[in-house]
Amino acid sequence: EVQSSHHQKEIDTSRRLYDEGKYIESAKVIQGALKDEPDNEFLLECYARALYRTDTYRPVSYEFYQRLISLLDSRDQKSTVALDSWFMEAYWKYGTLLMDKGEWEKAAFEISRALAISFSLNDAQPFVHQAYSYLTKAYFHIGRYDVAKYYADAALQIDPKNEYVKYYL
């Protein structure tokens, strides 16, 4: 599927470099294309994804994930919640960046969106376990201990030795 009429080659190259663990190179390939198409969701996702995996530029990825999620949300009416399966990882990573900033309610929302998409995947179990763990932490910090316990119990069903969630119980 063509995701950019002018920069498909850069998207493909960036994804290949990302898969090879060359995150800085992956981001550099997209930089110029992103200037040309600043609202292309696929270019934003490639760029933010690569930045997220670097220690130096991870905080910068927040801005690009924020732009991407805003674009995805603007497609739908205010009374709906947008879920675009192409961008499950974007919802997830944006949620973890919000956790880093202590924005617990927003983080829980974004991680929940990723979780909702993951249920349609065949091999989502490792992701689901981590999502339950992060939702435990987020809801604990929100002060919704009942919801935190719900997610902790769900995480412990998958891994009874999960020390991460036991801390919040």
N, C-alpha and C. Protein backbone atom coordinates (compact mmCIF):
# COMPACT_ATOMS: atom_id res chain seq x y z
N GLU A 1 0.84 -1.19 0.00
CA GLU A 1 0.00 0.00 0.00
C GLU A 1 0.88 1.24 0.00
N VAL A 2 0.56 2.18 -0.86
CA VAL A 2 1.33 3.42 -0.95
C VAL A 2 0.92 4.33 0.20
N GLN A 3 1.90 4.76 0.97
CA GLN A 3 1.65 5.58 2.14
C GLN A 3 2.14 7.02 1.94
N SER A 4 2.80 7.26 0.82
CA SER A 4 3.21 8.60 0.44
C SER A 4 3.42 8.61 -1.06
N SER A 5 2.80 9.57 -1.72
CA SER A 5 2.94 9.64 -3.18
C SER A 5 4.33 10.11 -3.60
N HIS A 6 5.02 10.82 -2.71
CA HIS A 6 6.34 11.34 -3.05
C HIS A 6 7.49 10.68 -2.29
N HIS A 7 7.21 10.06 -1.16
CA HIS A 7 8.29 9.60 -0.30
C HIS A 7 8.14 8.15 0.18
N GLN A 8 7.54 7.32 -0.63
CA GLN A 8 7.38 5.91 -0.25
C GLN A 8 8.74 5.24 -0.07
N LYS A 9 9.69 5.58 -0.91
CA LYS A 9 11.03 4.99 -0.81
C LYS A 9 11.65 5.31 0.55
N GLU A 10 11.49 6.54 1.01
CA GLU A 10 12.04 6.92 2.31
C GLU A 10 11.36 6.16 3.45
N ILE A 11 10.05 5.97 3.35
CA ILE A 11 9.32 5.20 4.37
C ILE A 11 9.86 3.78 4.42
N ASP A 12 9.98 3.15 3.25
CA ASP A 12 10.48 1.78 3.18
C ASP A 12 11.91 1.67 3.72
N THR A 13 12.75 2.62 3.35
CA THR A 13 14.15 2.61 3.81
C THR A 13 14.21 2.84 5.31
N SER A 14 13.42 3.78 5.81
CA SER A 14 13.40 4.06 7.24
C SER A 14 12.97 2.83 8.03
N ARG A 15 11.96 2.15 7.57
CA ARG A 15 11.48 0.94 8.28
C ARG A 15 12.54 -0.16 8.26
N ARG A 16 13.23 -0.30 7.13
CA ARG A 16 14.28 -1.32 7.05
C ARG A 16 15.40 -0.99 8.03
N LEU A 17 15.83 0.27 8.06
CA LEU A 17 16.89 0.68 8.98
C LEU A 17 16.46 0.51 10.44
N TYR A 18 15.22 0.82 10.73
CA TYR A 18 14.68 0.62 12.08
C TYR A 18 14.76 -0.86 12.46
N ASP A 19 14.33 -1.72 11.57
CA ASP A 19 14.37 -3.16 11.83
C ASP A 19 15.80 -3.67 12.04
N GLU A 20 16.77 -2.98 11.44
CA GLU A 20 18.18 -3.34 11.61
C GLU A 20 18.78 -2.71 12.86
N GLY A 21 17.99 -1.94 13.60
CA GLY A 21 18.48 -1.30 14.81
C GLY A 21 19.25 -0.01 14.56
N LYS A 22 19.14 0.53 13.37
CA LYS A 22 19.84 1.77 13.01
C LYS A 22 18.85 2.93 13.13
N TYR A 23 18.57 3.31 14.37
CA TYR A 23 17.48 4.25 14.66
C TYR A 23 17.80 5.67 14.20
N ILE A 24 19.01 6.14 14.43
CA ILE A 24 19.37 7.50 14.00
C ILE A 24 19.30 7.59 12.48
N GLU A 25 19.83 6.59 11.79
CA GLU A 25 19.79 6.60 10.33
C GLU A 25 18.35 6.54 9.84
N SER A 26 17.52 5.75 10.52
CA SER A 26 16.11 5.63 10.17
C SER A 26 15.42 6.99 10.25
N ALA A 27 15.71 7.74 11.30
CA ALA A 27 15.11 9.08 11.47
C ALA A 27 15.63 10.04 10.41
N LYS A 28 16.92 10.00 10.12
CA LYS A 28 17.51 10.92 9.15
C LYS A 28 16.90 10.75 7.76
N VAL A 29 16.59 9.51 7.40
CA VAL A 29 16.00 9.25 6.08
C VAL A 29 14.65 9.95 5.95
N ILE A 30 13.92 10.08 7.03
CA ILE A 30 12.57 10.64 7.01
C ILE A 30 12.56 12.16 7.16
N GLN A 31 13.60 12.74 7.74
CA GLN A 31 13.60 14.16 8.08
C GLN A 31 13.20 15.07 6.91
N GLY A 32 13.82 14.93 5.79
CA GLY A 32 13.53 15.78 4.64
C GLY A 32 12.13 15.55 4.10
N ALA A 33 11.73 14.29 4.06
CA ALA A 33 10.39 13.96 3.57
C ALA A 33 9.32 14.57 4.48
N LEU A 34 9.58 14.58 5.77
CA LEU A 34 8.63 15.13 6.74
C LEU A 34 8.46 16.64 6.57
N LYS A 35 9.53 17.30 6.14
CA LYS A 35 9.42 18.74 5.86
C LYS A 35 8.53 18.98 4.64
N ASP A 36 8.60 18.06 3.69
CA ASP A 36 7.80 18.16 2.47
C ASP A 36 6.33 17.80 2.73
N GLU A 37 6.09 16.80 3.57
CA GLU A 37 4.74 16.34 3.90
C GLU A 37 4.57 16.30 5.42
N PRO A 38 4.46 17.46 6.07
CA PRO A 38 4.44 17.49 7.54
C PRO A 38 3.22 16.83 8.18
N ASP A 39 2.16 16.61 7.41
CA ASP A 39 0.96 15.98 7.96
C ASP A 39 0.77 14.55 7.49
N ASN A 40 1.80 13.96 6.91
CA ASN A 40 1.70 12.57 6.49
C ASN A 40 1.87 11.69 7.72
N GLU A 41 0.82 10.99 8.07
CA GLU A 41 0.81 10.18 9.29
C GLU A 41 1.89 9.10 9.28
N PHE A 42 2.15 8.53 8.13
CA PHE A 42 3.14 7.45 8.04
C PHE A 42 4.57 7.98 8.21
N LEU A 43 4.83 9.15 7.66
CA LEU A 43 6.14 9.78 7.85
C LEU A 43 6.33 10.16 9.32
N LEU A 44 5.30 10.75 9.92
CA LEU A 44 5.37 11.10 11.34
C LEU A 44 5.64 9.88 12.20
N GLU A 45 4.94 8.80 11.89
CA GLU A 45 5.10 7.57 12.67
C GLU A 45 6.51 7.02 12.54
N CYS A 46 7.04 6.97 11.34
CA CYS A 46 8.41 6.46 11.13
C CYS A 46 9.43 7.30 11.90
N TYR A 47 9.26 8.60 11.82
CA TYR A 47 10.21 9.51 12.47
C TYR A 47 10.13 9.39 14.00
N ALA A 48 8.93 9.47 14.53
CA ALA A 48 8.74 9.39 15.99
C ALA A 48 9.21 8.03 16.51
N ARG A 49 8.91 6.99 15.79
CA ARG A 49 9.28 5.63 16.18
C ARG A 49 10.80 5.49 16.30
N ALA A 50 11.51 6.01 15.32
CA ALA A 50 12.97 5.93 15.34
C ALA A 50 13.54 6.76 16.49
N LEU A 51 13.03 7.97 16.67
CA LEU A 51 13.53 8.83 17.75
C LEU A 51 13.27 8.20 19.12
N TYR A 52 12.14 7.55 19.28
CA TYR A 52 11.75 6.93 20.54
C TYR A 52 12.80 5.93 21.02
N ARG A 53 13.44 5.26 20.09
CA ARG A 53 14.39 4.19 20.42
C ARG A 53 15.80 4.70 20.74
N THR A 54 16.00 6.01 20.73
CA THR A 54 17.32 6.56 21.04
C THR A 54 17.27 7.26 22.40
N ASP A 55 18.33 7.15 23.15
CA ASP A 55 18.38 7.82 24.46
C ASP A 55 18.34 9.34 24.31
N THR A 56 19.07 9.85 23.36
CA THR A 56 19.20 11.30 23.18
C THR A 56 17.91 11.93 22.67
N TYR A 57 17.25 11.29 21.71
CA TYR A 57 16.11 11.91 21.04
C TYR A 57 14.75 11.39 21.50
N ARG A 58 14.72 10.46 22.44
CA ARG A 58 13.43 9.95 22.91
C ARG A 58 12.50 11.08 23.37
N PRO A 59 12.98 12.06 24.15
CA PRO A 59 12.07 13.15 24.54
C PRO A 59 11.51 13.93 23.35
N VAL A 60 12.29 14.03 22.27
CA VAL A 60 11.83 14.74 21.07
C VAL A 60 10.71 13.96 20.38
N SER A 61 10.73 12.65 20.51
CA SER A 61 9.70 11.83 19.87
C SER A 61 8.31 12.18 20.40
N TYR A 62 8.24 12.67 21.63
CA TYR A 62 6.96 13.06 22.22
C TYR A 62 6.22 14.05 21.33
N GLU A 63 6.90 15.08 20.86
CA GLU A 63 6.29 16.10 20.00
C GLU A 63 5.71 15.48 18.73
N PHE A 64 6.44 14.55 18.13
CA PHE A 64 5.98 13.96 16.88
C PHE A 64 4.86 12.96 17.10
N TYR A 65 4.93 12.21 18.19
CA TYR A 65 3.80 11.33 18.51
C TYR A 65 2.55 12.16 18.83
N GLN A 66 2.74 13.26 19.51
CA GLN A 66 1.62 14.13 19.85
C GLN A 66 0.96 14.66 18.57
N ARG A 67 1.76 15.09 17.61
CA ARG A 67 1.23 15.57 16.32
C ARG A 67 0.49 14.45 15.61
N LEU A 68 1.09 13.26 15.57
CA LEU A 68 0.48 12.12 14.89
C LEU A 68 -0.86 11.77 15.51
N ILE A 69 -0.90 11.64 16.82
CA ILE A 69 -2.15 11.27 17.50
C ILE A 69 -3.21 12.35 17.29
N SER A 70 -2.80 13.61 17.30
CA SER A 70 -3.75 14.70 17.04
C SER A 70 -4.33 14.60 15.63
N LEU A 71 -3.49 14.27 14.66
CA LEU A 71 -3.98 14.10 13.29
C LEU A 71 -4.95 12.93 13.21
N LEU A 72 -4.61 11.83 13.85
CA LEU A 72 -5.49 10.66 13.83
C LEU A 72 -6.83 10.98 14.48
N ASP A 73 -6.78 11.68 15.59
CA ASP A 73 -8.01 12.03 16.31
C ASP A 73 -8.86 13.03 15.54
N SER A 74 -8.23 13.91 14.76
CA SER A 74 -8.99 14.94 14.05
C SER A 74 -9.81 14.36 12.89
N ARG A 75 -9.53 13.15 12.49
CA ARG A 75 -10.28 12.52 11.41
C ARG A 75 -11.70 12.17 11.83
N ASP A 76 -11.90 11.95 13.11
CA ASP A 76 -13.18 11.48 13.60
C ASP A 76 -13.92 12.57 14.36
N GLN A 77 -15.20 12.36 14.54
CA GLN A 77 -15.99 13.31 15.31
C GLN A 77 -15.58 13.24 16.77
N LYS A 78 -15.88 14.27 17.50
CA LYS A 78 -15.51 14.36 18.91
C LYS A 78 -16.18 13.30 19.77
N SER A 79 -17.29 12.74 19.33
CA SER A 79 -18.01 11.76 20.14
C SER A 79 -17.47 10.34 19.97
N THR A 80 -16.45 10.17 19.15
CA THR A 80 -15.88 8.85 18.94
C THR A 80 -14.42 8.84 19.38
N VAL A 81 -13.92 7.63 19.59
CA VAL A 81 -12.51 7.45 19.90
C VAL A 81 -11.87 6.81 18.68
N ALA A 82 -10.87 7.46 18.15
CA ALA A 82 -10.19 6.96 16.96
C ALA A 82 -9.28 5.80 17.33
N LEU A 83 -9.37 4.74 16.53
CA LEU A 83 -8.47 3.60 16.65
C LEU A 83 -8.04 3.24 15.23
N ASP A 84 -6.82 3.54 14.91
CA ASP A 84 -6.30 3.21 13.59
C ASP A 84 -5.27 2.11 13.78
N SER A 85 -5.59 0.92 13.31
CA SER A 85 -4.72 -0.23 13.56
C SER A 85 -3.33 -0.08 12.96
N TRP A 86 -3.19 0.77 11.96
CA TRP A 86 -1.86 1.04 11.41
C TRP A 86 -0.94 1.63 12.48
N PHE A 87 -1.52 2.32 13.44
CA PHE A 87 -0.73 3.12 14.37
C PHE A 87 -0.81 2.63 15.82
N MET A 88 -1.03 1.33 16.01
CA MET A 88 -1.09 0.78 17.36
C MET A 88 0.18 1.13 18.14
N GLU A 89 1.31 0.97 17.52
CA GLU A 89 2.58 1.25 18.20
C GLU A 89 2.70 2.73 18.57
N ALA A 90 2.14 3.60 17.76
CA ALA A 90 2.17 5.04 18.06
C ALA A 90 1.36 5.34 19.31
N TYR A 91 0.16 4.76 19.42
CA TYR A 91 -0.63 4.96 20.63
C TYR A 91 0.15 4.45 21.85
N TRP A 92 0.75 3.29 21.70
CA TRP A 92 1.51 2.67 22.78
C TRP A 92 2.69 3.56 23.22
N LYS A 93 3.51 3.94 22.28
CA LYS A 93 4.70 4.71 22.62
C LYS A 93 4.35 6.10 23.13
N TYR A 94 3.33 6.71 22.57
CA TYR A 94 2.88 8.00 23.07
C TYR A 94 2.40 7.84 24.51
N GLY A 95 1.70 6.76 24.79
CA GLY A 95 1.26 6.49 26.16
C GLY A 95 2.42 6.34 27.13
N THR A 96 3.47 5.65 26.72
CA THR A 96 4.63 5.49 27.60
C THR A 96 5.36 6.81 27.80
N LEU A 97 5.39 7.64 26.78
CA LEU A 97 6.00 8.97 26.93
C LEU A 97 5.18 9.83 27.89
N LEU A 98 3.87 9.70 27.83
CA LEU A 98 3.01 10.42 28.78
C LEU A 98 3.25 9.91 30.21
N MET A 99 3.50 8.62 30.36
CA MET A 99 3.84 8.08 31.68
C MET A 99 5.14 8.71 32.18
N ASP A 100 6.12 8.83 31.29
CA ASP A 100 7.39 9.45 31.66
C ASP A 100 7.17 10.87 32.19
N LYS A 101 6.16 11.54 31.67
CA LYS A 101 5.86 12.92 32.07
C LYS A 101 4.90 12.98 33.26
N GLY A 102 4.43 11.83 33.72
CA GLY A 102 3.49 11.80 34.84
C GLY A 102 2.08 12.21 34.46
N GLU A 103 1.74 12.16 33.18
CA GLU A 103 0.40 12.50 32.72
C GLU A 103 -0.42 11.21 32.67
N TRP A 104 -0.82 10.76 33.85
CA TRP A 104 -1.36 9.41 34.03
C TRP A 104 -2.68 9.17 33.30
N GLU A 105 -3.60 10.11 33.34
CA GLU A 105 -4.90 9.89 32.69
C GLU A 105 -4.74 9.78 31.17
N LYS A 106 -3.96 10.68 30.60
CA LYS A 106 -3.72 10.62 29.16
C LYS A 106 -2.98 9.35 28.79
N ALA A 107 -2.01 8.96 29.63
CA ALA A 107 -1.25 7.74 29.38
C ALA A 107 -2.16 6.52 29.38
N ALA A 108 -3.04 6.44 30.36
CA ALA A 108 -3.97 5.30 30.45
C ALA A 108 -4.86 5.24 29.21
N PHE A 109 -5.30 6.41 28.74
CA PHE A 109 -6.15 6.46 27.55
C PHE A 109 -5.40 5.92 26.33
N GLU A 110 -4.18 6.40 26.10
CA GLU A 110 -3.43 5.99 24.91
C GLU A 110 -3.04 4.51 24.98
N ILE A 111 -2.64 4.04 26.14
CA ILE A 111 -2.28 2.63 26.27
C ILE A 111 -3.52 1.76 26.09
N SER A 112 -4.67 2.24 26.55
CA SER A 112 -5.92 1.52 26.35
C SER A 112 -6.29 1.43 24.87
N ARG A 113 -6.00 2.49 24.12
CA ARG A 113 -6.27 2.44 22.68
C ARG A 113 -5.41 1.37 22.02
N ALA A 114 -4.14 1.35 22.39
CA ALA A 114 -3.25 0.33 21.82
C ALA A 114 -3.72 -1.06 22.22
N LEU A 115 -4.13 -1.21 23.46
CA LEU A 115 -4.61 -2.50 23.95
C LEU A 115 -5.85 -2.95 23.19
N ALA A 116 -6.76 -2.03 22.93
CA ALA A 116 -7.97 -2.37 22.18
C ALA A 116 -7.63 -2.91 20.79
N ILE A 117 -6.67 -2.30 20.14
CA ILE A 117 -6.25 -2.77 18.82
C ILE A 117 -5.57 -4.13 18.93
N SER A 118 -4.77 -4.32 19.99
CA SER A 118 -3.99 -5.55 20.11
C SER A 118 -4.85 -6.80 20.22
N PHE A 119 -6.07 -6.66 20.71
CA PHE A 119 -6.93 -7.83 20.86
C PHE A 119 -7.28 -8.46 19.52
N SER A 120 -7.13 -7.73 18.44
CA SER A 120 -7.39 -8.29 17.12
C SER A 120 -6.16 -9.00 16.54
N LEU A 121 -5.03 -8.90 17.23
CA LEU A 121 -3.80 -9.54 16.74
C LEU A 121 -3.71 -10.98 17.23
N ASN A 122 -3.03 -11.80 16.49
CA ASN A 122 -2.90 -13.20 16.88
C ASN A 122 -1.91 -13.41 18.01
N ASP A 123 -0.81 -12.66 18.02
CA ASP A 123 0.26 -12.88 18.99
C ASP A 123 0.45 -11.64 19.86
N ALA A 124 -0.60 -11.25 20.55
CA ALA A 124 -0.56 -10.02 21.33
C ALA A 124 -0.24 -10.26 22.80
N GLN A 125 -0.10 -11.51 23.22
CA GLN A 125 0.03 -11.83 24.64
C GLN A 125 1.15 -11.06 25.36
N PRO A 126 2.39 -11.01 24.87
CA PRO A 126 3.42 -10.24 25.59
C PRO A 126 3.05 -8.76 25.71
N PHE A 127 2.45 -8.21 24.69
CA PHE A 127 2.04 -6.80 24.73
C PHE A 127 0.93 -6.60 25.75
N VAL A 128 -0.04 -7.49 25.76
CA VAL A 128 -1.18 -7.37 26.68
C VAL A 128 -0.68 -7.37 28.12
N HIS A 129 0.25 -8.25 28.43
CA HIS A 129 0.80 -8.32 29.78
C HIS A 129 1.45 -7.00 30.17
N GLN A 130 2.24 -6.43 29.30
CA GLN A 130 2.90 -5.16 29.59
C GLN A 130 1.88 -4.03 29.69
N ALA A 131 0.87 -4.05 28.83
CA ALA A 131 -0.18 -3.02 28.89
C ALA A 131 -0.91 -3.09 30.22
N TYR A 132 -1.26 -4.28 30.66
CA TYR A 132 -1.93 -4.42 31.96
C TYR A 132 -1.03 -3.88 33.08
N SER A 133 0.25 -4.15 32.99
CA SER A 133 1.17 -3.66 34.02
C SER A 133 1.23 -2.13 34.03
N TYR A 134 1.34 -1.52 32.86
CA TYR A 134 1.40 -0.07 32.78
C TYR A 134 0.07 0.57 33.20
N LEU A 135 -1.04 -0.06 32.86
CA LEU A 135 -2.33 0.47 33.28
C LEU A 135 -2.49 0.37 34.79
N THR A 136 -1.92 -0.66 35.39
CA THR A 136 -1.92 -0.77 36.85
C THR A 136 -1.24 0.46 37.44
N LYS A 137 -0.07 0.78 36.94
CA LYS A 137 0.69 1.93 37.45
C LYS A 137 -0.06 3.24 37.21
N ALA A 138 -0.58 3.42 36.01
CA ALA A 138 -1.26 4.67 35.67
C ALA A 138 -2.48 4.87 36.58
N TYR A 139 -3.30 3.85 36.71
CA TYR A 139 -4.50 4.01 37.53
C TYR A 139 -4.17 4.15 39.02
N PHE A 140 -3.08 3.55 39.45
CA PHE A 140 -2.63 3.75 40.82
C PHE A 140 -2.34 5.24 41.06
N HIS A 141 -1.61 5.84 40.12
CA HIS A 141 -1.25 7.25 40.26
C HIS A 141 -2.44 8.19 40.08
N ILE A 142 -3.44 7.75 39.35
CA ILE A 142 -4.67 8.54 39.21
C ILE A 142 -5.48 8.49 40.50
N GLY A 143 -5.23 7.44 41.28
CA GLY A 143 -5.99 7.28 42.52
C GLY A 143 -7.19 6.36 42.37
N ARG A 144 -7.26 5.70 41.24
CA ARG A 144 -8.32 4.72 40.99
C ARG A 144 -7.79 3.34 41.34
N TYR A 145 -7.71 3.07 42.63
CA TYR A 145 -7.11 1.84 43.12
C TYR A 145 -7.91 0.60 42.72
N ASP A 146 -9.22 0.76 42.58
CA ASP A 146 -10.04 -0.36 42.14
C ASP A 146 -9.68 -0.78 40.72
N VAL A 147 -9.46 0.20 39.85
CA VAL A 147 -9.09 -0.10 38.46
C VAL A 147 -7.65 -0.61 38.40
N ALA A 148 -6.78 -0.03 39.21
CA ALA A 148 -5.39 -0.51 39.28
C ALA A 148 -5.37 -1.98 39.71
N LYS A 149 -6.18 -2.32 40.69
CA LYS A 149 -6.24 -3.72 41.15
C LYS A 149 -6.77 -4.64 40.06
N TYR A 150 -7.76 -4.17 39.32
CA TYR A 150 -8.30 -4.96 38.21
C TYR A 150 -7.19 -5.32 37.22
N TYR A 151 -6.42 -4.31 36.80
CA TYR A 151 -5.34 -4.56 35.83
C TYR A 151 -4.20 -5.36 36.45
N ALA A 152 -3.93 -5.15 37.72
CA ALA A 152 -2.89 -5.94 38.39
C ALA A 152 -3.30 -7.40 38.42
N ASP A 153 -4.56 -7.66 38.77
CA ASP A 153 -5.05 -9.05 38.79
C ASP A 153 -4.96 -9.68 37.41
N ALA A 154 -5.31 -8.90 36.37
CA ALA A 154 -5.22 -9.42 35.00
C ALA A 154 -3.78 -9.72 34.62
N ALA A 155 -2.85 -8.85 35.02
CA ALA A 155 -1.43 -9.08 34.72
C ALA A 155 -0.92 -10.31 35.47
N LEU A 156 -1.35 -10.47 36.71
CA LEU A 156 -0.91 -11.62 37.52
C LEU A 156 -1.50 -12.93 37.01
N GLN A 157 -2.63 -12.87 36.34
CA GLN A 157 -3.19 -14.07 35.71
C GLN A 157 -2.23 -14.57 34.62
N ILE A 158 -1.61 -13.64 33.93
CA ILE A 158 -0.67 -14.00 32.86
C ILE A 158 0.68 -14.40 33.44
N ASP A 159 1.16 -13.63 34.43
CA ASP A 159 2.46 -13.90 35.06
C ASP A 159 2.35 -13.69 36.57
N PRO A 160 2.14 -14.78 37.31
CA PRO A 160 1.97 -14.65 38.76
C PRO A 160 3.19 -14.09 39.49
N LYS A 161 4.34 -14.05 38.84
CA LYS A 161 5.57 -13.55 39.47
C LYS A 161 5.84 -12.08 39.12
N ASN A 162 4.88 -11.40 38.54
CA ASN A 162 5.06 -10.02 38.08
C ASN A 162 5.26 -9.09 39.28
N GLU A 163 6.50 -8.76 39.59
CA GLU A 163 6.83 -7.88 40.71
C GLU A 163 6.44 -6.44 40.44
N TYR A 164 6.42 -6.07 39.18
CA TYR A 164 6.07 -4.70 38.80
C TYR A 164 4.68 -4.35 39.32
N VAL A 165 3.69 -5.21 39.10
CA VAL A 165 2.33 -4.91 39.55
C VAL A 165 2.14 -5.19 41.04
N LYS A 166 2.88 -6.15 41.57
CA LYS A 166 2.76 -6.45 43.01
C LYS A 166 3.10 -5.23 43.84
N TYR A 167 4.00 -4.42 43.36
CA TYR A 167 4.39 -3.20 44.05
C TYR A 167 3.18 -2.29 44.27
N TYR A 168 2.30 -2.21 43.26
CA TYR A 168 1.14 -1.32 43.33
C TYR A 168 -0.02 -1.91 44.10
N LEU A 169 0.02 -3.20 44.37
CA LEU A 169 -1.03 -3.80 45.18
C LEU A 169 -0.79 -3.50 46.65
